[in-house]
């Protein structure tokens, strides 16, 4: 007697396919979430790395400066100019003949959202500006090349701390300068009126740095 093999009914096939789709969608959702968290972690580490790098570089150079040539007052600016190994009361201007005079410019390029460092070492003309006259400032996004000159990007994806704010403020209270900016985006990116599912990653940068020699004295 021949045995008949029973096949799957259409209902069983539909149920099996539906369950398979549900399982695959669940797996896809988990993998998407893991990938998103990895991207967010990478973005956060990048933001942190750039922030710390820019902080350390600017802090070290500002602390070693003997003259803060710009800003001249407490009005916030997007430029900072300082001089290392320079004294206004010494006739030659150079405090230590065994070391070069270094003039450094830090500026915020709002068009490209970068902070750049422009420096001249040794400085051929000494420390620019006087106690009452601002130095001539090169354009932040210009090609400032030539002998003994450097032009480097030290931080990217930089935004203002708040709308209309500037980056650098001369602060007489601490004998130096206050620096405020944000690396990364503080707000959601809106697409079709809806916020992005990925949370914005950013780090606020707000610190005061004192010069190694107090300014607004006979040395500045």
N, C-alpha and C. Protein backbone atom coordinates (compact mmCIF):
# COMPACT_ATOMS: atom_id res chain seq x y z
N UNK A 1 0.85 -1.19 0.00
CA UNK A 1 0.00 0.00 0.00
C UNK A 1 0.89 1.25 0.00
N UNK A 2 0.62 2.18 -0.92
CA UNK A 2 1.49 3.36 -1.07
C UNK A 2 1.06 4.45 -0.07
N UNK A 3 2.10 5.03 0.64
CA UNK A 3 1.85 6.12 1.59
C UNK A 3 1.85 7.46 0.85
N UNK A 4 0.89 8.30 1.15
CA UNK A 4 0.86 9.62 0.56
C UNK A 4 1.62 10.63 1.45
N UNK A 5 2.46 11.47 0.81
CA UNK A 5 3.20 12.52 1.54
C UNK A 5 2.38 13.79 1.56
N UNK A 6 2.12 14.25 2.77
CA UNK A 6 1.31 15.45 2.92
C UNK A 6 2.17 16.70 2.77
N UNK A 7 1.82 17.66 1.92
CA UNK A 7 2.57 18.91 1.73
C UNK A 7 2.07 20.00 2.65
N UNK A 8 2.70 21.18 2.52
CA UNK A 8 2.30 22.33 3.34
C UNK A 8 1.11 23.03 2.69
N UNK A 9 0.22 23.44 3.50
CA UNK A 9 -0.92 24.20 3.00
C UNK A 9 -0.51 25.65 2.79
N UNK A 10 -1.29 26.39 2.05
CA UNK A 10 -1.01 27.80 1.79
C UNK A 10 -0.99 28.61 3.07
N UNK A 11 -1.87 28.28 4.00
CA UNK A 11 -1.91 29.00 5.27
C UNK A 11 -0.63 28.79 6.06
N UNK A 12 -0.13 27.56 6.07
CA UNK A 12 1.12 27.27 6.78
C UNK A 12 2.29 28.03 6.16
N UNK A 13 2.33 28.11 4.84
CA UNK A 13 3.40 28.84 4.16
C UNK A 13 3.34 30.33 4.50
N UNK A 14 2.14 30.87 4.53
CA UNK A 14 2.00 32.29 4.86
C UNK A 14 2.46 32.57 6.28
N UNK A 15 2.08 31.69 7.20
CA UNK A 15 2.50 31.86 8.59
C UNK A 15 4.02 31.77 8.72
N UNK A 16 4.63 30.80 8.04
CA UNK A 16 6.08 30.62 8.11
C UNK A 16 6.82 31.82 7.54
N UNK A 17 6.35 32.33 6.40
CA UNK A 17 6.98 33.50 5.80
C UNK A 17 6.83 34.72 6.69
N UNK A 18 5.65 34.89 7.29
CA UNK A 18 5.41 36.03 8.17
C UNK A 18 6.34 36.00 9.38
N UNK A 19 6.48 34.81 9.98
CA UNK A 19 7.39 34.68 11.13
C UNK A 19 8.82 34.96 10.73
N UNK A 20 9.22 34.50 9.55
CA UNK A 20 10.59 34.74 9.06
C UNK A 20 10.84 36.23 8.88
N UNK A 21 9.85 36.93 8.33
CA UNK A 21 9.98 38.37 8.13
C UNK A 21 10.12 39.09 9.45
N UNK A 22 9.33 38.69 10.44
CA UNK A 22 9.39 39.32 11.76
C UNK A 22 10.76 39.11 12.39
N UNK A 23 11.29 37.89 12.30
CA UNK A 23 12.61 37.59 12.87
C UNK A 23 13.69 38.39 12.16
N UNK A 24 13.62 38.45 10.83
CA UNK A 24 14.62 39.20 10.07
C UNK A 24 14.56 40.69 10.39
N UNK A 25 13.35 41.21 10.55
CA UNK A 25 13.22 42.63 10.90
C UNK A 25 13.79 42.91 12.28
N UNK A 26 13.59 42.00 13.21
CA UNK A 26 14.14 42.17 14.55
C UNK A 26 15.66 42.15 14.52
N UNK A 27 16.22 41.22 13.75
CA UNK A 27 17.69 41.15 13.62
C UNK A 27 18.23 42.42 12.98
N UNK A 28 17.55 42.89 11.93
CA UNK A 28 17.98 44.10 11.24
C UNK A 28 17.92 45.30 12.17
N UNK A 29 16.88 45.38 13.00
CA UNK A 29 16.74 46.49 13.94
C UNK A 29 17.87 46.50 14.96
N UNK A 30 18.20 45.33 15.47
CA UNK A 30 19.29 45.22 16.45
C UNK A 30 20.62 45.63 15.82
N UNK A 31 20.88 45.15 14.60
CA UNK A 31 22.14 45.47 13.92
C UNK A 31 22.21 46.96 13.61
N UNK A 32 21.08 47.56 13.22
CA UNK A 32 21.05 48.99 12.93
C UNK A 32 21.36 49.79 14.18
N UNK A 33 20.77 49.39 15.31
CA UNK A 33 21.02 50.09 16.58
C UNK A 33 22.48 50.00 16.98
N UNK A 34 23.06 48.81 16.84
CA UNK A 34 24.47 48.63 17.18
C UNK A 34 25.35 49.50 16.29
N UNK A 35 25.04 49.54 15.01
CA UNK A 35 25.82 50.36 14.09
C UNK A 35 25.70 51.84 14.44
N UNK A 36 24.47 52.27 14.78
CA UNK A 36 24.24 53.68 15.15
C UNK A 36 25.01 54.04 16.41
N UNK A 37 25.01 53.15 17.41
CA UNK A 37 25.74 53.42 18.64
C UNK A 37 27.24 53.50 18.39
N UNK A 38 27.74 52.67 17.46
CA UNK A 38 29.16 52.73 17.12
C UNK A 38 29.50 54.06 16.47
N UNK A 39 28.62 54.52 15.55
CA UNK A 39 28.85 55.80 14.89
C UNK A 39 28.83 56.94 15.90
N UNK A 40 27.87 56.91 16.82
CA UNK A 40 27.78 57.94 17.84
C UNK A 40 29.02 57.95 18.73
N UNK A 41 29.49 56.75 19.09
CA UNK A 41 30.69 56.66 19.91
C UNK A 41 31.90 57.20 19.19
N UNK A 42 31.99 56.92 17.89
CA UNK A 42 33.11 57.43 17.10
C UNK A 42 33.04 58.95 17.01
N UNK A 43 31.83 59.48 16.77
CA UNK A 43 31.68 60.93 16.69
C UNK A 43 32.05 61.58 18.01
N UNK A 44 31.62 60.98 19.11
CA UNK A 44 31.92 61.56 20.42
C UNK A 44 33.41 61.55 20.72
N UNK A 45 34.08 60.45 20.39
CA UNK A 45 35.52 60.38 20.63
C UNK A 45 36.27 61.37 19.76
N UNK A 46 35.78 61.58 18.52
CA UNK A 46 36.42 62.56 17.64
C UNK A 46 36.26 63.96 18.19
N UNK A 47 35.05 64.28 18.65
CA UNK A 47 34.80 65.59 19.23
C UNK A 47 35.69 65.81 20.45
N UNK A 48 35.76 64.82 21.32
CA UNK A 48 36.58 64.94 22.52
C UNK A 48 38.05 65.10 22.18
N UNK A 49 38.52 64.33 21.21
CA UNK A 49 39.92 64.40 20.82
C UNK A 49 40.30 65.76 20.29
N UNK A 50 39.49 66.31 19.38
CA UNK A 50 39.77 67.63 18.84
C UNK A 50 39.71 68.69 19.92
N UNK A 51 38.76 68.60 20.82
CA UNK A 51 38.63 69.60 21.87
C UNK A 51 39.86 69.61 22.77
N UNK A 52 40.28 68.44 23.20
CA UNK A 52 41.44 68.35 24.09
C UNK A 52 42.71 68.81 23.38
N UNK A 53 42.84 68.45 22.10
CA UNK A 53 44.04 68.84 21.35
C UNK A 53 44.12 70.35 21.21
N UNK A 54 43.00 70.99 20.85
CA UNK A 54 43.00 72.44 20.69
C UNK A 54 43.22 73.13 22.03
N UNK A 55 42.61 72.60 23.09
CA UNK A 55 42.79 73.17 24.42
C UNK A 55 44.25 73.13 24.85
N UNK A 56 44.88 71.98 24.71
CA UNK A 56 46.26 71.83 25.16
C UNK A 56 47.20 72.74 24.37
N UNK A 57 47.01 72.81 23.07
CA UNK A 57 47.91 73.61 22.24
C UNK A 57 47.78 75.10 22.54
N UNK A 58 46.54 75.58 22.59
CA UNK A 58 46.35 77.00 22.87
C UNK A 58 46.76 77.36 24.29
N UNK A 59 46.40 76.52 25.25
CA UNK A 59 46.73 76.80 26.64
C UNK A 59 48.24 76.92 26.85
N UNK A 60 48.97 75.99 26.29
CA UNK A 60 50.43 75.98 26.47
C UNK A 60 51.05 77.25 25.89
N UNK A 61 50.61 77.64 24.70
CA UNK A 61 51.22 78.79 24.05
C UNK A 61 50.81 80.10 24.72
N UNK A 62 49.55 80.20 25.11
CA UNK A 62 49.08 81.42 25.77
C UNK A 62 49.77 81.59 27.13
N UNK A 63 49.91 80.50 27.86
CA UNK A 63 50.56 80.58 29.16
C UNK A 63 52.02 81.01 29.05
N UNK A 64 52.67 80.66 27.96
CA UNK A 64 54.09 81.01 27.79
C UNK A 64 54.27 82.41 27.21
N UNK A 65 53.19 83.09 26.84
CA UNK A 65 53.29 84.42 26.24
C UNK A 65 53.64 85.47 27.28
N UNK A 66 54.35 86.48 26.84
CA UNK A 66 54.69 87.60 27.72
C UNK A 66 53.87 88.84 27.38
N UNK A 67 53.26 88.87 26.19
CA UNK A 67 52.44 90.01 25.77
C UNK A 67 51.18 89.49 25.10
N UNK A 68 50.04 90.05 25.48
CA UNK A 68 48.79 89.79 24.78
C UNK A 68 48.51 91.03 23.93
N UNK A 69 48.78 90.92 22.64
CA UNK A 69 48.69 92.08 21.75
C UNK A 69 47.27 92.36 21.28
N UNK A 70 46.41 91.34 21.30
CA UNK A 70 45.04 91.52 20.83
C UNK A 70 44.20 90.36 21.34
N UNK A 71 42.97 90.59 21.82
CA UNK A 71 42.21 91.84 21.86
C UNK A 71 42.78 92.88 22.82
N UNK A 72 42.53 94.14 22.51
CA UNK A 72 43.04 95.23 23.33
C UNK A 72 42.16 95.49 24.55
N UNK A 73 40.89 95.09 24.48
CA UNK A 73 39.98 95.36 25.59
C UNK A 73 39.12 94.12 25.82
N UNK A 74 38.10 94.27 26.62
CA UNK A 74 37.26 93.14 27.00
C UNK A 74 36.17 92.83 25.97
N UNK A 75 36.19 93.50 24.82
CA UNK A 75 35.21 93.20 23.77
C UNK A 75 35.55 91.86 23.13
N UNK A 76 34.63 90.91 23.10
CA UNK A 76 34.93 89.59 22.50
C UNK A 76 35.29 89.71 21.03
N UNK A 77 36.25 88.90 20.60
CA UNK A 77 36.71 88.90 19.22
C UNK A 77 36.87 87.46 18.72
N UNK A 78 37.11 87.35 17.43
CA UNK A 78 37.41 86.04 16.84
C UNK A 78 38.90 85.87 16.57
N UNK A 79 39.71 86.82 17.04
CA UNK A 79 41.16 86.75 16.88
C UNK A 79 41.84 86.87 18.24
N UNK A 80 42.97 86.22 18.36
CA UNK A 80 43.82 86.34 19.54
C UNK A 80 45.26 86.43 19.05
N UNK A 81 46.00 87.45 19.51
CA UNK A 81 47.39 87.63 19.11
C UNK A 81 48.24 87.74 20.36
N UNK A 82 49.28 86.93 20.44
CA UNK A 82 50.18 86.98 21.58
C UNK A 82 51.62 86.87 21.13
N UNK A 83 52.52 87.26 22.03
CA UNK A 83 53.95 87.23 21.72
C UNK A 83 54.71 86.53 22.84
N UNK A 84 55.63 85.69 22.45
CA UNK A 84 56.48 84.96 23.40
C UNK A 84 57.88 85.57 23.34
N UNK A 85 58.49 85.74 24.53
CA UNK A 85 59.85 86.27 24.64
C UNK A 85 59.94 87.70 24.12
N UNK A 86 59.03 88.54 24.54
CA UNK A 86 59.02 89.94 24.10
C UNK A 86 58.64 90.83 25.26
N UNK A 87 59.33 91.97 25.36
CA UNK A 87 59.05 92.93 26.42
C UNK A 87 58.98 94.32 25.84
N UNK A 88 57.97 95.08 26.25
CA UNK A 88 57.81 96.44 25.72
C UNK A 88 58.74 97.44 26.42
N UNK A 89 59.32 97.07 27.54
CA UNK A 89 60.17 98.03 28.26
C UNK A 89 61.65 97.85 27.95
N UNK A 90 61.98 96.77 27.23
CA UNK A 90 63.37 96.56 26.82
C UNK A 90 63.57 97.22 25.46
N UNK A 91 64.62 97.98 25.31
CA UNK A 91 64.82 98.74 24.07
C UNK A 91 64.87 97.85 22.85
N UNK A 92 65.46 96.69 22.98
CA UNK A 92 65.54 95.77 21.84
C UNK A 92 64.23 94.99 21.65
N UNK A 93 63.39 95.00 22.68
CA UNK A 93 62.12 94.28 22.61
C UNK A 93 62.23 92.82 22.96
N UNK A 94 63.36 92.24 22.74
CA UNK A 94 63.53 90.80 22.97
C UNK A 94 64.01 90.58 24.39
N UNK A 95 63.26 89.80 25.14
CA UNK A 95 63.58 89.60 26.56
C UNK A 95 64.79 88.69 26.74
N UNK A 96 64.95 87.70 25.90
CA UNK A 96 66.05 86.74 26.02
C UNK A 96 66.68 86.59 24.65
N UNK A 97 67.91 87.06 24.52
CA UNK A 97 68.58 87.02 23.22
C UNK A 97 68.89 85.59 22.76
N UNK A 98 68.82 84.63 23.67
CA UNK A 98 69.09 83.25 23.30
C UNK A 98 67.86 82.52 22.76
N UNK A 99 66.70 83.18 22.82
CA UNK A 99 65.47 82.57 22.32
C UNK A 99 64.82 83.47 21.29
N UNK A 100 64.12 82.86 20.34
CA UNK A 100 63.45 83.62 19.31
C UNK A 100 62.16 84.25 19.84
N UNK A 101 61.77 85.35 19.20
CA UNK A 101 60.47 85.96 19.47
C UNK A 101 59.44 85.25 18.61
N UNK A 102 58.39 84.76 19.23
CA UNK A 102 57.33 84.05 18.52
C UNK A 102 56.05 84.87 18.60
N UNK A 103 55.45 85.14 17.44
CA UNK A 103 54.16 85.80 17.38
C UNK A 103 53.14 84.77 16.92
N UNK A 104 52.08 84.57 17.70
CA UNK A 104 51.07 83.60 17.31
C UNK A 104 49.70 84.26 17.18
N UNK A 105 48.98 83.82 16.18
CA UNK A 105 47.60 84.27 15.93
C UNK A 105 46.70 83.05 16.03
N UNK A 106 45.66 83.15 16.84
CA UNK A 106 44.60 82.15 16.81
C UNK A 106 43.34 82.85 16.29
N UNK A 107 42.67 82.23 15.35
CA UNK A 107 41.50 82.87 14.78
C UNK A 107 40.44 81.83 14.47
N UNK A 108 39.19 82.29 14.52
CA UNK A 108 38.05 81.42 14.20
C UNK A 108 37.57 81.74 12.80
N UNK A 109 37.62 80.75 11.93
CA UNK A 109 37.15 80.88 10.56
C UNK A 109 35.71 80.39 10.53
N UNK A 110 34.75 81.32 10.60
CA UNK A 110 33.35 80.94 10.69
C UNK A 110 32.84 80.30 9.41
N UNK A 111 33.42 80.65 8.27
CA UNK A 111 32.97 80.09 7.00
C UNK A 111 33.25 78.59 6.92
N UNK A 112 34.42 78.19 7.40
CA UNK A 112 34.83 76.79 7.35
C UNK A 112 34.71 76.08 8.69
N UNK A 113 34.26 76.81 9.72
CA UNK A 113 34.07 76.25 11.07
C UNK A 113 35.35 75.60 11.59
N UNK A 114 36.43 76.34 11.52
CA UNK A 114 37.72 75.85 12.01
C UNK A 114 38.38 76.91 12.88
N UNK A 115 39.27 76.46 13.76
CA UNK A 115 40.17 77.35 14.47
C UNK A 115 41.56 77.12 13.90
N UNK A 116 42.19 78.20 13.48
CA UNK A 116 43.50 78.11 12.86
C UNK A 116 44.55 78.77 13.75
N UNK A 117 45.75 78.26 13.63
CA UNK A 117 46.90 78.87 14.30
C UNK A 117 47.86 79.37 13.24
N UNK A 118 48.09 80.68 13.25
CA UNK A 118 49.07 81.29 12.37
C UNK A 118 50.21 81.78 13.25
N UNK A 119 51.42 81.44 12.91
CA UNK A 119 52.55 81.81 13.76
C UNK A 119 53.74 82.21 12.91
N UNK A 120 54.56 83.07 13.50
CA UNK A 120 55.80 83.49 12.86
C UNK A 120 56.95 83.31 13.86
N UNK A 121 57.93 82.50 13.50
CA UNK A 121 59.06 82.22 14.39
C UNK A 121 60.33 82.01 13.57
N UNK A 122 61.35 82.83 13.78
CA UNK A 122 61.33 84.03 14.63
C UNK A 122 60.56 85.16 13.97
N UNK A 123 60.00 86.04 14.77
CA UNK A 123 59.22 87.17 14.25
C UNK A 123 60.17 88.27 13.80
N UNK A 124 60.15 88.57 12.50
CA UNK A 124 61.08 89.55 11.95
C UNK A 124 60.84 90.95 12.51
N UNK A 125 59.57 91.30 12.72
CA UNK A 125 59.25 92.66 13.17
C UNK A 125 58.95 92.71 14.66
N UNK A 126 59.25 91.66 15.38
CA UNK A 126 58.97 91.66 16.80
C UNK A 126 57.50 91.47 17.08
N UNK A 127 57.04 91.99 18.21
CA UNK A 127 55.64 91.84 18.61
C UNK A 127 54.80 92.93 17.95
N UNK A 128 53.73 92.57 17.24
CA UNK A 128 52.95 93.58 16.51
C UNK A 128 52.08 94.42 17.44
N UNK A 129 51.78 95.63 16.98
CA UNK A 129 50.86 96.48 17.72
C UNK A 129 51.51 97.16 18.91
N UNK A 130 50.76 98.04 19.53
CA UNK A 130 51.19 98.73 20.74
C UNK A 130 50.09 98.57 21.78
N UNK A 131 50.25 99.28 22.86
CA UNK A 131 49.26 99.16 23.94
C UNK A 131 47.90 99.73 23.53
N UNK A 132 47.87 100.58 22.50
CA UNK A 132 46.60 101.21 22.12
C UNK A 132 46.21 100.96 20.67
N UNK A 133 47.10 100.40 19.87
CA UNK A 133 46.83 100.19 18.44
C UNK A 133 46.83 98.70 18.17
N UNK A 134 45.75 98.22 17.55
CA UNK A 134 45.65 96.79 17.23
C UNK A 134 46.63 96.43 16.12
N UNK A 135 47.22 95.24 16.17
CA UNK A 135 48.13 94.82 15.10
C UNK A 135 47.37 94.53 13.82
N UNK A 136 48.07 94.57 12.71
CA UNK A 136 47.47 94.20 11.43
C UNK A 136 47.26 92.69 11.43
N UNK A 137 46.03 92.26 11.19
CA UNK A 137 45.69 90.85 11.28
C UNK A 137 45.54 90.24 9.90
N UNK A 138 46.23 89.14 9.65
CA UNK A 138 46.01 88.44 8.38
C UNK A 138 44.65 87.77 8.37
N UNK A 139 44.08 87.59 7.18
CA UNK A 139 42.78 86.91 7.09
C UNK A 139 42.93 85.49 7.60
N UNK A 140 41.93 85.04 8.38
CA UNK A 140 42.03 83.73 9.01
C UNK A 140 42.11 82.60 8.00
N UNK A 141 41.39 82.73 6.88
CA UNK A 141 41.38 81.66 5.89
C UNK A 141 42.34 81.91 4.73
N UNK A 142 43.21 82.92 4.88
CA UNK A 142 44.17 83.23 3.83
C UNK A 142 45.36 82.28 3.90
N UNK A 143 46.05 82.17 2.79
CA UNK A 143 47.29 81.38 2.75
C UNK A 143 48.41 82.26 3.29
N UNK A 144 48.74 82.06 4.54
CA UNK A 144 49.73 82.91 5.20
C UNK A 144 51.04 82.14 5.25
N UNK A 145 51.70 82.08 4.09
CA UNK A 145 52.93 81.30 3.99
C UNK A 145 54.15 82.19 4.03
N UNK A 146 55.26 81.65 3.60
CA UNK A 146 56.50 82.40 3.59
C UNK A 146 57.48 81.87 4.62
N UNK A 147 58.65 82.51 4.65
CA UNK A 147 59.70 82.08 5.55
C UNK A 147 59.28 82.23 7.01
N UNK A 148 59.53 81.19 7.77
CA UNK A 148 59.30 81.18 9.23
C UNK A 148 57.83 81.29 9.61
N UNK A 149 56.93 81.11 8.67
CA UNK A 149 55.51 81.25 8.98
C UNK A 149 54.79 79.91 8.92
N UNK A 150 53.82 79.75 9.82
CA UNK A 150 53.04 78.51 9.89
C UNK A 150 51.56 78.85 9.83
N UNK A 151 50.79 77.98 9.22
CA UNK A 151 49.35 78.16 9.12
C UNK A 151 48.72 76.78 9.23
N UNK A 152 48.16 76.47 10.39
CA UNK A 152 47.65 75.12 10.65
C UNK A 152 46.23 75.17 11.20
N UNK A 153 45.43 74.19 10.83
CA UNK A 153 44.11 73.99 11.42
C UNK A 153 44.27 73.16 12.69
N UNK A 154 43.80 73.67 13.81
CA UNK A 154 43.96 72.92 15.06
C UNK A 154 42.64 72.35 15.57
N UNK A 155 41.51 72.80 15.00
CA UNK A 155 40.23 72.25 15.42
C UNK A 155 39.23 72.41 14.28
N UNK A 156 38.43 71.38 14.04
CA UNK A 156 37.41 71.42 12.99
C UNK A 156 36.02 71.25 13.60
N UNK A 157 35.01 71.49 12.78
CA UNK A 157 33.60 71.40 13.21
C UNK A 157 33.35 72.27 14.44
N UNK A 158 33.90 73.48 14.40
CA UNK A 158 33.81 74.41 15.53
C UNK A 158 32.64 75.37 15.31
N UNK A 159 31.84 75.54 16.32
CA UNK A 159 30.70 76.46 16.27
C UNK A 159 30.78 77.45 17.42
N UNK A 160 30.07 78.53 17.27
CA UNK A 160 30.05 79.52 18.34
C UNK A 160 29.32 78.97 19.55
N UNK A 161 29.71 79.46 20.72
CA UNK A 161 29.09 78.99 21.96
C UNK A 161 27.61 79.32 21.99
N UNK A 162 27.25 80.45 21.41
CA UNK A 162 25.85 80.84 21.30
C UNK A 162 25.73 81.80 20.13
N UNK A 163 24.53 82.06 19.71
CA UNK A 163 24.30 82.92 18.56
C UNK A 163 24.87 84.31 18.79
N UNK A 164 25.69 84.77 17.85
CA UNK A 164 26.27 86.10 17.96
C UNK A 164 27.48 86.20 18.86
N UNK A 165 27.88 85.10 19.47
CA UNK A 165 29.01 85.13 20.40
C UNK A 165 30.33 85.07 19.62
N UNK A 166 31.41 85.47 20.29
CA UNK A 166 32.75 85.39 19.72
C UNK A 166 33.59 84.43 20.55
N UNK A 167 34.76 84.10 20.05
CA UNK A 167 35.55 83.02 20.67
C UNK A 167 36.47 83.53 21.78
N UNK A 168 37.16 84.65 21.54
CA UNK A 168 38.19 85.09 22.46
C UNK A 168 37.78 86.39 23.16
N UNK A 169 38.02 86.45 24.49
CA UNK A 169 37.73 87.66 25.26
C UNK A 169 38.89 87.94 26.20
N UNK A 170 39.43 89.13 26.13
CA UNK A 170 40.49 89.52 27.06
C UNK A 170 39.90 89.68 28.45
N UNK A 171 40.52 89.07 29.43
CA UNK A 171 39.98 89.04 30.78
C UNK A 171 41.04 89.55 31.75
N UNK A 172 40.89 90.80 32.18
CA UNK A 172 41.86 91.39 33.10
C UNK A 172 41.83 90.71 34.46
N UNK A 173 40.69 90.13 34.82
CA UNK A 173 40.57 89.51 36.13
C UNK A 173 41.48 88.32 36.33
N UNK A 174 41.76 87.60 35.26
CA UNK A 174 42.63 86.42 35.36
C UNK A 174 43.99 86.66 34.74
N UNK A 175 44.21 87.87 34.21
CA UNK A 175 45.50 88.15 33.59
C UNK A 175 45.73 87.34 32.34
N UNK A 176 44.70 87.21 31.52
CA UNK A 176 44.84 86.41 30.32
C UNK A 176 43.65 86.55 29.41
N UNK A 177 43.14 85.43 28.93
CA UNK A 177 42.06 85.44 27.96
C UNK A 177 41.08 84.32 28.26
N UNK A 178 39.81 84.57 27.95
CA UNK A 178 38.78 83.54 28.07
C UNK A 178 38.41 83.05 26.68
N UNK A 179 38.32 81.72 26.55
CA UNK A 179 38.06 81.10 25.25
C UNK A 179 36.78 80.30 25.34
N UNK A 180 35.86 80.56 24.40
CA UNK A 180 34.57 79.86 24.42
C UNK A 180 34.19 79.45 22.99
N UNK A 181 33.96 78.17 22.81
CA UNK A 181 33.42 77.68 21.55
C UNK A 181 32.88 76.28 21.77
N UNK A 182 32.27 75.73 20.74
CA UNK A 182 31.69 74.40 20.80
C UNK A 182 32.22 73.59 19.64
N UNK A 183 32.69 72.39 19.92
CA UNK A 183 33.09 71.45 18.86
C UNK A 183 31.94 70.47 18.68
N UNK A 184 31.38 70.42 17.50
CA UNK A 184 30.22 69.57 17.24
C UNK A 184 28.95 70.39 17.16
N UNK A 185 27.83 69.72 16.99
CA UNK A 185 26.54 70.37 16.86
C UNK A 185 25.75 70.25 18.17
N UNK A 186 25.24 71.39 18.65
CA UNK A 186 24.48 71.38 19.89
C UNK A 186 23.00 71.06 19.66
N UNK A 187 22.52 71.22 18.44
CA UNK A 187 21.10 71.04 18.16
C UNK A 187 20.88 69.87 17.22
N UNK A 188 19.65 69.39 17.16
CA UNK A 188 19.30 68.31 16.27
C UNK A 188 19.31 68.80 14.82
N UNK A 189 19.60 67.88 13.92
CA UNK A 189 19.49 68.16 12.50
C UNK A 189 18.08 67.78 12.06
N UNK A 190 17.32 68.73 11.57
CA UNK A 190 15.94 68.47 11.22
C UNK A 190 15.80 68.11 9.75
N UNK A 191 15.13 67.03 9.48
CA UNK A 191 14.87 66.58 8.11
C UNK A 191 13.36 66.43 7.95
N UNK A 192 12.80 67.16 7.00
CA UNK A 192 11.34 67.13 6.76
C UNK A 192 10.56 67.46 8.03
N UNK A 193 11.12 68.38 8.82
CA UNK A 193 10.41 68.80 10.02
C UNK A 193 10.55 67.87 11.20
N UNK A 194 11.29 66.78 11.05
CA UNK A 194 11.45 65.82 12.13
C UNK A 194 12.92 65.78 12.57
N UNK A 195 13.17 65.65 13.88
CA UNK A 195 14.55 65.61 14.36
C UNK A 195 15.24 64.31 13.95
N UNK A 196 16.53 64.42 13.73
CA UNK A 196 17.33 63.25 13.40
C UNK A 196 17.28 62.26 14.56
N UNK A 197 17.32 60.97 14.26
CA UNK A 197 17.27 59.95 15.31
C UNK A 197 18.59 59.87 16.06
N UNK A 198 19.66 60.34 15.45
CA UNK A 198 20.97 60.29 16.10
C UNK A 198 21.15 61.55 16.93
N UNK A 199 21.42 61.40 18.20
CA UNK A 199 21.62 62.54 19.08
C UNK A 199 22.87 63.31 18.67
N UNK A 200 22.82 64.64 18.71
CA UNK A 200 24.01 65.42 18.36
C UNK A 200 25.12 65.20 19.39
N UNK A 201 26.34 65.15 18.94
CA UNK A 201 27.49 64.99 19.82
C UNK A 201 28.30 66.28 19.80
N UNK A 202 28.59 66.82 20.96
CA UNK A 202 29.34 68.06 21.01
C UNK A 202 30.05 68.18 22.36
N UNK A 203 31.00 69.10 22.41
CA UNK A 203 31.68 69.41 23.65
C UNK A 203 31.83 70.92 23.75
N UNK A 204 31.34 71.49 24.85
CA UNK A 204 31.47 72.92 25.08
C UNK A 204 32.85 73.22 25.65
N UNK A 205 33.44 74.26 25.13
CA UNK A 205 34.78 74.67 25.51
C UNK A 205 34.69 76.06 26.11
N UNK A 206 34.90 76.19 27.41
CA UNK A 206 34.80 77.48 28.10
C UNK A 206 35.84 77.50 29.20
N UNK A 207 36.92 78.23 28.96
CA UNK A 207 38.00 78.22 29.94
C UNK A 207 38.74 79.55 29.94
N UNK A 208 39.38 79.86 31.03
CA UNK A 208 40.20 81.04 31.13
C UNK A 208 41.67 80.63 31.24
N UNK A 209 42.54 81.30 30.50
CA UNK A 209 43.97 80.99 30.48
C UNK A 209 44.75 82.24 30.86
N UNK A 210 45.61 82.13 31.85
CA UNK A 210 46.43 83.25 32.30
C UNK A 210 47.80 83.20 31.66
N UNK A 211 48.32 84.37 31.29
CA UNK A 211 49.68 84.45 30.78
C UNK A 211 50.67 84.17 31.91
N UNK A 212 51.84 83.70 31.55
CA UNK A 212 52.85 83.42 32.55
C UNK A 212 53.31 84.69 33.24
N UNK A 213 53.25 85.81 32.52
CA UNK A 213 53.54 87.11 33.12
C UNK A 213 52.25 87.92 33.07
N UNK A 214 51.90 88.52 34.17
CA UNK A 214 50.68 89.30 34.19
C UNK A 214 50.82 90.49 33.22
N UNK A 215 49.78 90.75 32.47
CA UNK A 215 49.85 91.86 31.54
C UNK A 215 49.21 93.09 32.16
N UNK A 216 49.06 94.15 31.38
CA UNK A 216 48.66 95.45 31.87
C UNK A 216 49.65 95.98 32.91
N UNK A 217 50.90 95.58 32.75
CA UNK A 217 51.97 96.13 33.57
C UNK A 217 53.06 96.64 32.65
N UNK A 218 54.24 96.92 33.16
CA UNK A 218 55.30 97.52 32.33
C UNK A 218 55.82 96.56 31.27
N UNK A 219 55.50 95.28 31.38
CA UNK A 219 55.97 94.34 30.37
C UNK A 219 55.01 94.23 29.20
N UNK A 220 53.80 94.80 29.31
CA UNK A 220 52.80 94.64 28.25
C UNK A 220 52.40 96.01 27.73
